């Protein structure tokens, strides 16, 4: 996860068909685990969203520190601490992902998994729109069509449902802004290092939350069975393991393949909500989701066509250190 990723032709396993096959499976594992998060967070009840967020931050930091200690991978820390602009950017990213995590967990525990999944379906379209507005990027014709169709889908869901769910908008926008912030930081910070620093920044608030829920007798960490305690304690592993799978996949397969695999996560989230958590989808909502899926299909076809027109060097894509 450190240094420059191997390029095709360097004799590395990542450039071989077997390496690519493993990369696909790593990607499936990462997005599959993220897609099953609704079942995991629902199993953490009666813990509330704030308590779950605090445990997730605290245990993720502990896990990252242990991995870094085992690898003796600390040489990056001192130079990073001297880069104030980088630290400011990481702080913004940390705050954005904290909001994203909190809203997502709150959505799951309140029975709004389908609203959350829609947010992540819309995320690629919001990301493209931000690229135009903020980075002054030029849209290809099919990208513009995809964004327009996505806007129609969002408008349809808003009109038929009374308004676009705040959960959906918040998740789509915060995660898109998180990705934009990471892009501006550049790809110089490996995924594990980025996640470590983000959780370091959030750790004081997490500790404060844990102290507060404990002092006000709202903590569920003890008194609800060993299984509940174990599940809360595994929040760090659950956050970091798919990240490591994703990083392994990103080094082995093209960015276009990563882009296709990413739709596995909201798809599994939707299935979890409808099939396992008892959420109801009305026919009008299915129509709205269908319009959004058409937009994503257009965006995907455009990405595939663009990748065939130019064969870029296989570089490690910007790693999103934290998803739902």
Protein backbone atom coordinates (compact mmCIF):
# COMPACT_ATOMS: atom_id res chain seq x y z
CA UNK A 1 0.00 0.00 0.00
CA UNK A 2 3.04 2.23 -0.04
CA UNK A 3 5.16 3.41 -2.91
CA UNK A 4 4.31 3.47 -6.61
CA UNK A 5 1.98 0.71 -7.77
CA UNK A 6 3.38 -1.69 -10.37
CA UNK A 7 2.61 -0.99 -13.99
CA UNK A 8 1.70 -3.59 -16.59
CA UNK A 9 4.76 -5.17 -18.07
CA UNK A 10 6.90 -4.73 -14.98
CA UNK A 11 6.82 -8.47 -14.35
CA UNK A 12 4.60 -8.05 -11.30
CA UNK A 13 1.80 -10.48 -10.59
CA UNK A 14 -0.64 -7.59 -10.76
CA UNK A 15 -0.09 -7.37 -14.53
CA UNK A 16 -0.83 -11.06 -15.17
CA UNK A 17 -4.26 -12.55 -15.91
CA UNK A 18 -4.11 -14.38 -12.58
CA UNK A 19 -3.34 -11.11 -10.81
CA UNK A 20 -6.24 -9.41 -12.57
CA UNK A 21 -8.56 -12.26 -11.60
CA UNK A 22 -7.53 -11.89 -7.98
CA UNK A 23 -8.06 -8.16 -8.27
CA UNK A 24 -11.65 -8.67 -9.38
CA UNK A 25 -12.30 -10.99 -6.44
CA UNK A 26 -10.69 -8.50 -4.05
CA UNK A 27 -13.00 -5.83 -5.46
CA UNK A 28 -16.05 -8.08 -5.12
CA UNK A 29 -15.06 -8.81 -1.52
CA UNK A 30 -14.66 -5.10 -0.69
CA UNK A 31 -17.89 -3.92 -2.27
CA UNK A 32 -19.72 -7.02 -1.07
CA UNK A 33 -18.76 -6.36 2.55
CA UNK A 34 -19.74 -2.70 2.24
CA UNK A 35 -23.03 -3.80 0.71
CA UNK A 36 -23.82 -5.99 3.70
CA UNK A 37 -23.23 -3.18 6.20
CA UNK A 38 -26.99 -2.62 6.71
CA UNK A 39 -27.27 -6.08 8.26
CA UNK A 40 -24.25 -5.43 10.47
CA UNK A 41 -25.42 -2.05 11.74
CA UNK A 42 -28.97 -3.30 12.23
CA UNK A 43 -27.53 -6.08 14.42
CA UNK A 44 -25.95 -3.42 16.67
CA UNK A 45 -29.32 -2.33 18.07
CA UNK A 46 -30.17 -1.14 20.70
CA UNK A 47 -27.03 1.00 20.27
CA UNK A 48 -27.87 4.39 18.78
CA UNK A 49 -26.20 6.06 15.82
CA UNK A 50 -23.95 8.30 17.94
CA UNK A 51 -22.67 5.41 20.04
CA UNK A 52 -22.07 3.26 16.97
CA UNK A 53 -20.20 6.12 15.27
CA UNK A 54 -17.99 6.61 18.32
CA UNK A 55 -17.15 2.92 18.53
CA UNK A 56 -16.49 2.76 14.81
CA UNK A 57 -14.00 5.63 14.96
CA UNK A 58 -12.26 4.38 18.11
CA UNK A 59 -11.91 0.74 17.05
CA UNK A 60 -10.92 1.67 13.50
CA UNK A 61 -8.11 3.85 14.84
CA UNK A 62 -6.94 1.05 17.12
CA UNK A 63 -6.96 -1.44 14.26
CA UNK A 64 -5.03 0.91 11.95
CA UNK A 65 -2.44 1.65 14.64
CA UNK A 66 -1.93 -2.08 15.24
CA UNK A 67 -1.46 -2.78 11.53
CA UNK A 68 0.99 0.11 11.17
CA UNK A 69 2.90 -1.04 14.27
CA UNK A 70 3.16 -4.62 12.98
CA UNK A 71 4.40 -3.35 9.62
CA UNK A 72 6.67 -0.79 11.29
CA UNK A 73 5.26 1.66 8.80
CA UNK A 74 5.74 4.98 10.59
CA UNK A 75 8.17 6.82 8.34
CA UNK A 76 5.35 8.71 6.60
CA UNK A 77 4.01 10.31 9.77
CA UNK A 78 6.58 13.03 10.52
CA UNK A 79 6.69 14.48 6.96
CA UNK A 80 2.89 14.50 6.89
CA UNK A 81 2.63 16.40 10.18
CA UNK A 82 4.79 19.14 8.67
CA UNK A 83 2.37 19.64 5.76
CA UNK A 84 -0.27 21.96 7.17
CA UNK A 85 -2.33 22.23 4.00
CA UNK A 86 -2.45 18.46 3.71
CA UNK A 87 -3.56 18.16 7.34
CA UNK A 88 -6.25 20.79 6.77
CA UNK A 89 -7.53 18.80 3.81
CA UNK A 90 -7.50 15.57 5.78
CA UNK A 91 -9.47 17.32 8.54
CA UNK A 92 -12.15 18.39 6.05
CA UNK A 93 -12.28 14.85 4.66
CA UNK A 94 -12.58 13.44 8.19
CA UNK A 95 -15.50 15.70 9.03
CA UNK A 96 -17.28 14.84 5.79
CA UNK A 97 -16.91 11.10 6.26
CA UNK A 98 -17.99 11.38 9.91
CA UNK A 99 -21.24 13.04 8.81
CA UNK A 100 -21.64 10.39 6.11
CA UNK A 101 -21.09 7.55 8.57
CA UNK A 102 -23.46 9.04 11.14
CA UNK A 103 -26.30 9.61 8.68
CA UNK A 104 -25.83 6.15 7.18
CA UNK A 105 -25.91 4.38 10.53
CA UNK A 106 -28.89 6.46 11.64
CA UNK A 107 -30.69 5.55 8.40
CA UNK A 108 -30.07 1.84 8.92
CA UNK A 109 -31.10 1.79 12.57
CA UNK A 110 -34.24 3.84 11.76
CA UNK A 111 -35.32 1.54 8.93
CA UNK A 112 -34.39 3.72 5.94
CA UNK A 113 -31.87 1.46 4.19
CA UNK A 114 -33.50 1.95 0.78
CA UNK A 115 -33.16 5.73 1.11
CA UNK A 116 -29.49 5.22 1.98
CA UNK A 117 -28.92 2.92 -1.00
CA UNK A 118 -30.43 5.55 -3.31
CA UNK A 119 -27.89 8.04 -1.99
CA UNK A 120 -25.04 5.79 -3.08
CA UNK A 121 -26.69 5.09 -6.44
CA UNK A 122 -26.86 8.85 -7.01
CA UNK A 123 -23.31 9.45 -5.79
CA UNK A 124 -21.53 8.89 -9.14
CA UNK A 125 -23.87 11.38 -10.81
CA UNK A 126 -23.32 13.96 -8.07
CA UNK A 127 -19.57 13.40 -8.38
CA UNK A 128 -19.70 14.10 -12.12
CA UNK A 129 -21.75 17.25 -11.48
CA UNK A 130 -19.23 18.45 -8.89
CA UNK A 131 -16.45 17.90 -11.39
CA UNK A 132 -18.17 20.34 -13.74
CA UNK A 133 -19.11 22.94 -11.13
CA UNK A 134 -15.97 22.90 -8.97
CA UNK A 135 -13.17 21.55 -11.18
CA UNK A 136 -14.50 23.10 -14.42
CA UNK A 137 -14.34 19.74 -16.16
CA UNK A 138 -16.06 19.32 -19.51
CA UNK A 139 -18.74 16.68 -19.77
CA UNK A 140 -18.79 14.24 -22.65
CA UNK A 141 -22.22 14.11 -24.33
CA UNK A 142 -23.22 10.80 -22.71
CA UNK A 143 -22.09 12.04 -19.30
CA UNK A 144 -24.36 15.06 -19.72
CA UNK A 145 -27.23 12.77 -20.71
CA UNK A 146 -26.60 10.59 -17.65
CA UNK A 147 -26.63 13.57 -15.29
CA UNK A 148 -29.84 14.86 -16.91
CA UNK A 149 -31.56 11.48 -16.56
CA UNK A 150 -30.38 11.26 -12.96
CA UNK A 151 -31.84 14.69 -12.27
CA UNK A 152 -35.14 13.54 -13.78
CA UNK A 153 -35.10 10.50 -11.52
CA UNK A 154 -34.38 12.60 -8.45
CA UNK A 155 -37.14 15.04 -9.40
CA UNK A 156 -39.59 12.18 -9.94
CA UNK A 157 -38.80 10.67 -6.55
CA UNK A 158 -39.17 14.09 -4.92
CA UNK A 159 -42.53 14.78 -6.55
CA UNK A 160 -44.00 11.34 -5.89
CA UNK A 161 -42.68 11.15 -2.35
CA UNK A 162 -43.34 14.76 -1.35
CA UNK A 163 -39.61 15.53 -1.19
CA UNK A 164 -36.26 13.91 -1.82
CA UNK A 165 -35.33 12.07 1.40
CA UNK A 166 -32.80 14.11 3.39
CA UNK A 167 -30.90 10.87 4.02
CA UNK A 168 -30.45 10.32 0.28
CA UNK A 169 -29.25 13.85 -0.43
CA UNK A 170 -26.92 13.99 2.56
CA UNK A 171 -25.23 10.68 1.75
CA UNK A 172 -24.86 11.47 -1.96
CA UNK A 173 -23.49 14.98 -1.38
CA UNK A 174 -21.19 14.27 1.59
CA UNK A 175 -19.61 11.27 -0.10
CA UNK A 176 -19.16 13.18 -3.36
CA UNK A 177 -17.56 16.08 -1.46
CA UNK A 178 -15.38 13.58 0.40
CA UNK A 179 -14.19 12.18 -2.94
CA UNK A 180 -13.56 15.70 -4.25
CA UNK A 181 -11.53 16.55 -1.15
CA UNK A 182 -9.47 13.38 -1.54
CA UNK A 183 -8.87 14.19 -5.20
CA UNK A 184 -7.55 17.62 -4.28
CA UNK A 185 -5.27 16.05 -1.69
CA UNK A 186 -3.86 13.88 -4.44
CA UNK A 187 -3.01 10.20 -4.45
CA UNK A 188 0.15 10.63 -2.39
CA UNK A 189 -1.40 9.31 0.81
CA UNK A 190 -2.01 5.53 0.81
CA UNK A 191 -5.44 4.35 1.90
CA UNK A 192 -4.42 2.97 5.29
CA UNK A 193 -2.48 6.11 6.17
CA UNK A 194 -5.40 8.31 5.17
CA UNK A 195 -7.89 6.33 7.23
CA UNK A 196 -5.51 6.41 10.19
CA UNK A 197 -5.14 10.19 10.08
CA UNK A 198 -8.87 10.75 9.61
CA UNK A 199 -9.69 8.63 12.65
CA UNK A 200 -6.92 10.34 14.66
CA UNK A 201 -8.60 13.66 13.94
CA UNK A 202 -12.02 12.28 14.91
CA UNK A 203 -10.77 10.34 17.95
CA UNK A 204 -11.20 13.12 20.58
CA UNK A 205 -14.85 13.55 19.61
CA UNK A 206 -15.33 9.78 19.62
CA UNK A 207 -13.84 9.43 23.09
CA UNK A 208 -15.98 12.31 24.30
CA UNK A 209 -19.09 10.61 22.92
CA UNK A 210 -18.21 7.33 24.59
CA UNK A 211 -17.65 9.09 27.92
CA UNK A 212 -20.97 10.91 27.55
CA UNK A 213 -23.08 7.84 26.71
CA UNK A 214 -21.44 5.95 29.57
CA UNK A 215 -21.89 8.73 32.13
CA UNK A 216 -25.55 9.17 31.15
CA UNK A 217 -26.22 5.41 31.33
CA UNK A 218 -26.97 5.25 27.60
CA UNK A 219 -24.08 2.95 26.72
CA UNK A 220 -25.02 -0.49 25.40
CA UNK A 221 -21.46 -1.82 25.27
CA UNK A 222 -22.01 -3.97 28.35
CA UNK A 223 -25.22 -5.43 29.67
CA UNK A 224 -26.61 -6.59 26.33
CA UNK A 225 -24.72 -9.85 25.94
CA UNK A 226 -21.25 -10.85 24.82
CA UNK A 227 -22.32 -10.98 21.17
CA UNK A 228 -23.40 -7.32 21.20
CA UNK A 229 -20.14 -6.29 22.84
CA UNK A 230 -18.15 -8.28 20.28
CA UNK A 231 -20.02 -6.75 17.35
CA UNK A 232 -19.35 -3.20 18.59
CA UNK A 233 -15.69 -4.08 19.14
CA UNK A 234 -15.41 -5.41 15.58
CA UNK A 235 -16.43 -2.04 14.09
CA UNK A 236 -12.79 -1.22 13.36
CA UNK A 237 -12.14 -4.52 11.59
CA UNK A 238 -15.37 -4.16 9.63
CA UNK A 239 -14.26 -0.69 8.47
CA UNK A 240 -10.63 -1.47 7.64
CA UNK A 241 -10.79 -4.96 6.08
CA UNK A 242 -12.86 -4.01 3.01
CA UNK A 243 -10.60 -0.98 2.60
CA UNK A 244 -7.58 -3.29 2.37
CA UNK A 245 -9.40 -5.51 -0.11
CA UNK A 246 -10.24 -2.43 -2.16
CA UNK A 247 -6.64 -1.24 -2.15
CA UNK A 248 -5.49 -4.68 -3.32
CA UNK A 249 -8.10 -4.62 -6.11
CA UNK A 250 -7.18 -1.10 -7.21
CA UNK A 251 -3.59 -2.15 -7.82
CA UNK A 252 -4.59 -5.07 -10.04
CA UNK A 253 -7.55 -4.01 -12.17
CA UNK A 254 -8.41 -0.93 -14.27
CA UNK A 255 -10.34 1.98 -12.85
CA UNK A 256 -13.24 1.21 -15.19
CA UNK A 257 -13.62 -2.23 -13.60
CA UNK A 258 -13.56 -0.62 -10.16
CA UNK A 259 -16.29 1.74 -11.36
CA UNK A 260 -18.46 -1.16 -12.47
CA UNK A 261 -17.96 -3.08 -9.24
CA UNK A 262 -18.94 -0.09 -7.10
CA UNK A 263 -22.62 -0.54 -8.00
CA UNK A 264 -22.54 -3.84 -6.13
CA UNK A 265 -22.62 -1.95 -2.81
CA UNK A 266 -25.87 0.04 -3.17
CA UNK A 267 -27.45 -2.93 -4.94
CA UNK A 268 -26.75 -5.18 -1.95
CA UNK A 269 -27.86 -2.41 0.41
CA UNK A 270 -31.19 -2.20 -1.40
CA UNK A 271 -31.58 -5.97 -1.35
CA UNK A 272 -30.74 -6.08 2.37
CA UNK A 273 -33.35 -3.46 3.15
CA UNK A 274 -36.12 -5.08 1.12
CA UNK A 275 -35.40 -8.79 1.60
CA UNK A 276 -34.00 -8.98 5.13
CA UNK A 277 -34.93 -5.82 7.03
CA UNK A 278 -38.56 -5.67 5.97
CA UNK A 279 -38.57 -2.30 4.20
CA UNK A 280 -41.34 -1.68 1.67
CA UNK A 281 -40.79 -0.30 -1.81
CA UNK A 282 -43.83 1.15 -3.55
CA UNK A 283 -44.23 0.81 -7.34
CA UNK A 284 -43.56 4.54 -7.77
CA UNK A 285 -40.28 4.22 -5.87
CA UNK A 286 -39.22 1.31 -8.08
CA UNK A 287 -39.90 3.53 -11.10
CA UNK A 288 -37.74 6.29 -9.59
CA UNK A 289 -34.93 3.86 -8.85
CA UNK A 290 -35.26 2.53 -12.40
CA UNK A 291 -34.74 6.01 -13.87
CA UNK A 292 -31.60 6.42 -11.74
CA UNK A 293 -30.34 3.01 -12.88
CA UNK A 294 -30.82 4.06 -16.52
CA UNK A 295 -28.65 7.11 -15.80
CA UNK A 296 -25.99 4.89 -14.25
CA UNK A 297 -26.14 2.55 -17.25
CA UNK A 298 -25.53 5.47 -19.62
CA UNK A 299 -22.64 6.66 -17.43
CA UNK A 300 -21.15 3.15 -17.38
CA UNK A 301 -21.40 2.72 -21.16
CA UNK A 302 -19.71 6.08 -21.62
CA UNK A 303 -16.88 5.06 -19.28
CA UNK A 304 -16.36 1.80 -21.15
CA UNK A 305 -16.29 3.58 -24.52
CA UNK A 306 -13.85 6.18 -23.23
CA UNK A 307 -11.54 3.50 -21.81
CA UNK A 308 -11.45 1.70 -25.15
CA UNK A 309 -10.56 4.90 -27.02
CA UNK A 310 -7.56 5.48 -24.83
CA UNK A 311 -5.57 2.91 -22.91
CA UNK A 312 -4.16 4.81 -19.93
CA UNK A 313 -1.28 3.62 -17.84
CA UNK A 314 -2.50 1.40 -15.02
CA UNK A 315 -2.08 3.68 -12.07
CA UNK A 316 -3.63 3.30 -8.67
CA UNK A 317 -6.93 5.20 -8.60
CA UNK A 318 -7.83 7.57 -5.83
CA UNK A 319 -8.63 5.27 -2.94
CA UNK A 320 -11.78 6.07 -1.07
CA UNK A 321 -10.75 5.20 2.46
CA UNK A 322 -14.20 4.90 3.86
CA UNK A 323 -17.50 3.96 2.46
CA UNK A 324 -20.77 3.39 4.35
